[in-house]
């Protein structure tokens, strides 16, 4: 009888282990993994779907903030490995962007000496027409190198995010433009704060207003709120641009028609910088030909982000 009791208990223990193993296999098949405790042992259950969602959100946020905090390398082994790989990728991208910005800054700085020498030598040219042409070309070189650096900086900024009154920022940008003699009007209000970098957003808005004034004689700025987004539109009174080039003009130094030439000022990089800043704030910047004429830039930014 004693031997029979031992056999029964052994069979029960085996059956219990089989049931627990079946439970674990069933959970894994359903996409569930044990959560790691302080001692590394499973103390609960957490879905792989939740971990995948967290990783997806981090990847999306990385596009607008390369300096975001790294992911916590906790949870199941697979999730920890994914988090470590993601953090390593973020560090490499940040290093690459910083290295590129530093390289452009060094080139721009080193160009100043030969450019200064050229400017002095141009003054010695006796042919006035030739002297004016050379000075214009030299100014173009300076502007392109400087704005190339500005483009790199717009994609990598150490300026901290803070809560901003977008309406006050718009008032200030438009007032500054009017002081410079530009034709600018502002109507509407967002009526809600946004999270952003004030210097970068000012640059974005200023570029849009300047672009409208240069190529369309005036800038009509409208501020509204649509759901959880602040919508800023800047419309000019120019001829607009062909539909097939509405995206192409966001490429650096890209020009699509002779009326939008360097003679009007700038190097064709203002819209590129403006979009880069918008995207770093989790927003969008698009262009469209207004039904009543003129080109309209539409900036959308998340509210309260």
Protein backbone atom coordinates (compact mmCIF):
# COMPACT_ATOMS: atom_id res chain seq x y z
CA UNK A 1 0.00 0.00 0.00
CA UNK A 2 2.84 2.36 0.83
CA UNK A 3 4.37 1.75 -2.58
CA UNK A 4 1.01 2.39 -4.20
CA UNK A 5 0.68 5.76 -2.34
CA UNK A 6 4.13 6.86 -3.49
CA UNK A 7 3.25 6.01 -7.09
CA UNK A 8 -0.01 7.98 -6.86
CA UNK A 9 1.76 11.07 -5.42
CA UNK A 10 4.45 10.83 -8.11
CA UNK A 11 1.81 10.60 -10.82
CA UNK A 12 -0.03 13.62 -9.37
CA UNK A 13 3.17 15.68 -9.31
CA UNK A 14 3.86 14.72 -12.94
CA UNK A 15 0.34 15.64 -13.95
CA UNK A 16 0.63 18.96 -12.10
CA UNK A 17 3.86 19.82 -13.91
CA UNK A 18 2.28 18.90 -17.23
CA UNK A 19 -0.73 21.13 -16.52
CA UNK A 20 1.48 24.08 -15.54
CA UNK A 21 3.60 23.55 -18.64
CA UNK A 22 0.46 23.44 -20.77
CA UNK A 23 -0.72 26.69 -19.16
CA UNK A 24 2.57 28.40 -19.96
CA UNK A 25 2.53 27.15 -23.54
CA UNK A 26 -1.02 28.34 -23.93
CA UNK A 27 -0.13 31.78 -22.59
CA UNK A 28 2.86 32.03 -24.91
CA UNK A 29 0.72 31.02 -27.86
CA UNK A 30 -1.65 33.84 -26.91
CA UNK A 31 1.25 36.31 -26.96
CA UNK A 32 1.81 36.53 -23.20
CA UNK A 33 5.17 36.50 -21.41
CA UNK A 34 6.01 36.61 -17.70
CA UNK A 35 7.15 39.99 -16.37
CA UNK A 36 10.52 40.00 -14.64
CA UNK A 37 10.67 40.93 -10.96
CA UNK A 38 13.52 42.50 -9.03
CA UNK A 39 15.22 39.14 -8.75
CA UNK A 40 14.76 38.41 -12.46
CA UNK A 41 11.99 35.85 -11.85
CA UNK A 42 8.55 36.01 -13.32
CA UNK A 43 6.15 37.64 -10.85
CA UNK A 44 3.25 38.37 -13.15
CA UNK A 45 2.15 38.47 -16.75
CA UNK A 46 2.46 41.21 -19.34
CA UNK A 47 1.43 41.01 -22.98
CA UNK A 48 4.03 41.21 -25.70
CA UNK A 49 1.55 43.43 -27.51
CA UNK A 50 1.93 46.07 -24.76
CA UNK A 51 5.71 45.94 -25.08
CA UNK A 52 5.47 46.20 -28.86
CA UNK A 53 3.16 49.21 -28.49
CA UNK A 54 5.62 50.93 -26.14
CA UNK A 55 8.48 50.30 -28.59
CA UNK A 56 6.37 51.66 -31.46
CA UNK A 57 5.59 54.85 -29.51
CA UNK A 58 9.28 55.32 -28.71
CA UNK A 59 10.23 54.90 -32.37
CA UNK A 60 7.60 57.47 -33.37
CA UNK A 61 8.80 59.95 -30.73
CA UNK A 62 12.41 59.49 -31.85
CA UNK A 63 11.59 61.23 -35.12
CA UNK A 64 10.72 64.48 -33.34
CA UNK A 65 13.22 64.30 -30.47
CA UNK A 66 16.53 62.55 -30.99
CA UNK A 67 17.48 63.44 -27.39
CA UNK A 68 14.53 61.65 -25.80
CA UNK A 69 15.34 59.48 -22.73
CA UNK A 70 16.38 55.89 -23.53
CA UNK A 71 13.96 53.01 -23.12
CA UNK A 72 13.94 51.00 -19.88
CA UNK A 73 15.52 47.63 -20.60
CA UNK A 74 13.09 45.63 -18.44
CA UNK A 75 10.61 42.84 -19.01
CA UNK A 76 11.01 39.57 -20.92
CA UNK A 77 14.38 38.73 -22.48
CA UNK A 78 13.19 39.49 -26.01
CA UNK A 79 11.87 42.90 -24.94
CA UNK A 80 15.08 43.75 -23.07
CA UNK A 81 17.15 42.89 -26.14
CA UNK A 82 14.91 45.03 -28.34
CA UNK A 83 15.16 47.98 -25.91
CA UNK A 84 18.96 47.74 -25.76
CA UNK A 85 19.16 47.60 -29.57
CA UNK A 86 16.81 50.59 -29.86
CA UNK A 87 18.83 52.65 -27.37
CA UNK A 88 22.05 51.79 -29.23
CA UNK A 89 20.49 52.85 -32.54
CA UNK A 90 19.32 56.15 -31.01
CA UNK A 91 22.80 56.88 -29.66
CA UNK A 92 24.37 56.20 -33.07
CA UNK A 93 21.88 58.44 -34.88
CA UNK A 94 22.41 61.25 -32.35
CA UNK A 95 26.18 60.97 -32.74
CA UNK A 96 25.87 61.04 -36.54
CA UNK A 97 23.66 64.16 -36.50
CA UNK A 98 25.95 65.96 -34.05
CA UNK A 99 29.02 65.04 -36.08
CA UNK A 100 27.42 66.35 -39.27
CA UNK A 101 26.44 69.62 -37.61
CA UNK A 102 29.93 70.10 -36.20
CA UNK A 103 31.46 69.39 -39.61
CA UNK A 104 29.24 71.98 -41.32
CA UNK A 105 30.00 74.50 -38.58
CA UNK A 106 33.73 73.95 -39.06
CA UNK A 107 33.46 74.36 -42.84
CA UNK A 108 31.40 77.54 -42.49
CA UNK A 109 33.90 78.95 -40.01
CA UNK A 110 36.93 78.07 -42.13
CA UNK A 111 35.36 79.67 -45.20
CA UNK A 112 35.26 83.06 -43.52
CA UNK A 113 38.97 83.77 -44.01
CA UNK A 114 39.18 83.11 -47.79
CA UNK A 115 35.83 84.84 -48.30
CA UNK A 116 37.13 87.95 -46.52
CA UNK A 117 40.27 87.94 -48.69
CA UNK A 118 38.15 87.61 -51.82
CA UNK A 119 35.96 90.52 -50.75
CA UNK A 120 39.01 92.74 -50.31
CA UNK A 121 40.42 91.71 -53.69
CA UNK A 122 37.09 92.31 -55.41
CA UNK A 123 37.25 95.93 -54.29
CA UNK A 124 40.40 96.28 -56.39
CA UNK A 125 38.63 95.28 -59.60
CA UNK A 126 38.37 98.38 -61.79
CA UNK A 127 35.54 97.14 -63.99
CA UNK A 128 32.47 98.20 -62.01
CA UNK A 129 30.07 95.74 -63.70
CA UNK A 130 32.44 92.83 -63.07
CA UNK A 131 33.00 93.96 -59.47
CA UNK A 132 29.25 93.98 -58.78
CA UNK A 133 28.81 90.51 -60.30
CA UNK A 134 31.70 89.05 -58.30
CA UNK A 135 30.42 90.60 -55.07
CA UNK A 136 26.97 89.15 -55.74
CA UNK A 137 28.38 85.66 -56.34
CA UNK A 138 30.45 85.89 -53.18
CA UNK A 139 27.43 86.93 -51.13
CA UNK A 140 25.57 83.92 -52.54
CA UNK A 141 28.35 81.58 -51.42
CA UNK A 142 28.24 83.02 -47.91
CA UNK A 143 24.47 82.76 -47.72
CA UNK A 144 24.42 79.15 -48.94
CA UNK A 145 27.08 77.99 -46.49
CA UNK A 146 25.41 79.78 -43.59
CA UNK A 147 21.94 78.47 -44.37
CA UNK A 148 23.30 74.97 -44.89
CA UNK A 149 24.54 75.19 -41.33
CA UNK A 150 21.15 76.51 -40.19
CA UNK A 151 19.45 73.51 -41.84
CA UNK A 152 21.68 71.10 -39.94
CA UNK A 153 21.02 72.94 -36.68
CA UNK A 154 17.26 72.83 -37.28
CA UNK A 155 17.47 69.03 -37.24
CA UNK A 156 19.60 68.88 -34.10
CA UNK A 157 18.82 71.37 -31.36
CA UNK A 158 19.76 71.41 -27.70
CA UNK A 159 17.06 73.99 -26.98
CA UNK A 160 14.74 72.55 -24.28
CA UNK A 161 11.04 71.98 -24.88
CA UNK A 162 8.65 74.18 -22.90
CA UNK A 163 5.01 75.18 -22.79
CA UNK A 164 4.42 78.09 -25.18
CA UNK A 165 1.68 80.60 -25.85
CA UNK A 166 1.54 80.19 -29.62
CA UNK A 167 -0.75 83.20 -30.05
CA UNK A 168 1.77 85.49 -28.35
CA UNK A 169 4.58 84.07 -30.48
CA UNK A 170 2.56 84.73 -33.64
CA UNK A 171 1.81 88.30 -32.52
CA UNK A 172 5.53 88.89 -31.99
CA UNK A 173 6.60 87.41 -35.34
CA UNK A 174 4.02 89.43 -37.28
CA UNK A 175 4.85 92.64 -35.38
CA UNK A 176 8.56 92.19 -36.18
CA UNK A 177 7.72 91.71 -39.86
CA UNK A 178 5.60 94.87 -39.92
CA UNK A 179 8.45 96.86 -38.34
CA UNK A 180 10.60 95.80 -41.28
CA UNK A 181 8.03 97.23 -43.67
CA UNK A 182 6.50 93.89 -44.70
CA UNK A 183 2.79 93.61 -45.47
CA UNK A 184 1.51 91.16 -42.88
CA UNK A 185 -1.95 90.59 -41.39
CA UNK A 186 -2.91 88.25 -38.55
CA UNK A 187 -6.37 87.00 -37.66
CA UNK A 188 -7.77 84.28 -35.39
CA UNK A 189 -6.32 82.61 -32.33
CA UNK A 190 -5.36 79.10 -31.31
CA UNK A 191 -6.40 79.65 -27.70
CA UNK A 192 -4.33 76.77 -26.32
CA UNK A 193 -0.66 76.22 -25.38
CA UNK A 194 1.74 74.00 -27.27
CA UNK A 195 4.96 72.28 -26.26
CA UNK A 196 7.89 73.54 -28.26
CA UNK A 197 11.26 75.22 -28.59
CA UNK A 198 10.58 78.97 -28.76
CA UNK A 199 13.62 79.98 -30.83
CA UNK A 200 13.11 77.16 -33.34
CA UNK A 201 9.37 77.81 -33.71
CA UNK A 202 10.01 81.52 -34.18
CA UNK A 203 12.44 80.64 -36.97
CA UNK A 204 9.85 78.37 -38.56
CA UNK A 205 7.10 81.02 -38.50
CA UNK A 206 9.46 83.78 -39.62
CA UNK A 207 10.58 81.71 -42.60
CA UNK A 208 6.96 81.17 -43.67
CA UNK A 209 6.12 84.87 -43.39
CA UNK A 210 9.32 85.90 -45.20
CA UNK A 211 8.66 83.39 -47.97
CA UNK A 212 5.14 84.77 -48.51
CA UNK A 213 6.32 88.37 -48.59
CA UNK A 214 9.26 87.70 -50.93
CA UNK A 215 7.30 85.77 -53.52
CA UNK A 216 3.73 86.96 -53.01
CA UNK A 217 4.10 90.58 -51.86
CA UNK A 218 2.13 90.04 -48.62
CA UNK A 219 1.50 87.45 -45.91
CA UNK A 220 -1.97 86.71 -44.57
CA UNK A 221 -1.56 84.70 -41.36
CA UNK A 222 -4.52 82.82 -39.86
CA UNK A 223 -4.52 80.91 -36.56
CA UNK A 224 -7.16 78.31 -35.66
CA UNK A 225 -7.61 75.17 -33.63
CA UNK A 226 -8.77 71.88 -35.14
CA UNK A 227 -9.33 69.19 -32.51
CA UNK A 228 -6.04 68.60 -30.73
CA UNK A 229 -4.00 70.53 -33.30
CA UNK A 230 -3.03 74.16 -33.71
CA UNK A 231 -3.33 75.19 -37.37
CA UNK A 232 -1.37 78.17 -38.72
CA UNK A 233 -1.85 79.12 -42.36
CA UNK A 234 0.29 81.68 -44.18
CA UNK A 235 -1.07 82.74 -47.56
CA UNK A 236 0.54 85.00 -50.14
CA UNK A 237 -0.86 86.84 -53.17
CA UNK A 238 1.58 85.47 -55.71
CA UNK A 239 0.94 83.22 -58.72
CA UNK A 240 1.36 79.98 -56.77
CA UNK A 241 3.39 77.06 -58.12
CA UNK A 242 2.54 74.02 -60.27
CA UNK A 243 0.87 71.21 -58.33
CA UNK A 244 3.62 68.72 -59.19
CA UNK A 245 6.19 70.90 -57.40
CA UNK A 246 4.36 71.43 -54.11
CA UNK A 247 6.57 68.81 -52.43
CA UNK A 248 9.72 69.46 -54.44
CA UNK A 249 10.14 72.99 -53.04
CA UNK A 250 10.88 71.48 -49.61
CA UNK A 251 14.11 70.00 -50.97
CA UNK A 252 17.21 72.05 -50.04
CA UNK A 253 18.12 74.75 -52.61
CA UNK A 254 15.31 73.60 -54.91
CA UNK A 255 13.67 76.24 -57.13
CA UNK A 256 10.81 75.57 -59.50
CA UNK A 257 10.34 78.80 -61.45
CA UNK A 258 12.30 81.87 -62.47
CA UNK A 259 10.10 84.24 -60.47
CA UNK A 260 11.30 82.49 -57.33
CA UNK A 261 14.98 83.17 -57.88
CA UNK A 262 17.88 84.24 -55.70
CA UNK A 263 17.40 87.78 -56.93
CA UNK A 264 14.45 88.07 -54.54
CA UNK A 265 16.72 87.10 -51.64
CA UNK A 266 17.47 83.86 -49.83
CA UNK A 267 18.90 80.57 -51.06
CA UNK A 268 15.83 78.38 -51.39
CA UNK A 269 16.25 76.65 -48.03
CA UNK A 270 13.75 78.51 -45.84
CA UNK A 271 10.90 76.04 -46.41
CA UNK A 272 13.26 73.11 -45.85
CA UNK A 273 14.23 74.48 -42.44
CA UNK A 274 10.61 75.31 -41.57
CA UNK A 275 9.46 71.74 -42.29
CA UNK A 276 12.37 70.23 -40.38
CA UNK A 277 11.42 72.31 -37.33
CA UNK A 278 7.73 71.40 -37.67
CA UNK A 279 8.53 67.69 -37.82
CA UNK A 280 10.82 67.92 -34.78
CA UNK A 281 7.78 69.23 -32.90
CA UNK A 282 5.60 66.33 -34.01
CA UNK A 283 3.83 68.54 -36.54
CA UNK A 284 3.46 68.87 -40.30
CA UNK A 285 4.02 71.57 -42.90
CA UNK A 286 2.34 71.39 -46.30
CA UNK A 287 1.75 73.72 -49.25
CA UNK A 288 -1.28 74.18 -51.46
CA UNK A 289 -2.48 76.59 -54.10
CA UNK A 290 -5.33 78.52 -52.54
CA UNK A 291 -8.64 78.30 -54.46
CA UNK A 292 -8.82 82.11 -54.56
CA UNK A 293 -5.21 82.50 -55.66
CA UNK A 294 -1.81 82.54 -54.04
CA UNK A 295 0.26 79.91 -52.30
CA UNK A 296 -0.74 78.81 -48.79
CA UNK A 297 1.55 77.14 -46.24
CA UNK A 298 -0.30 75.16 -43.56
CA UNK A 299 1.52 74.41 -40.30
CA UNK A 300 -0.06 71.96 -37.84
CA UNK A 301 1.28 71.43 -34.32
CA UNK A 302 -0.02 69.19 -31.52
CA UNK A 303 -1.65 71.05 -28.64
CA UNK A 304 -0.45 70.50 -25.11
CA UNK A 305 2.15 67.95 -26.14
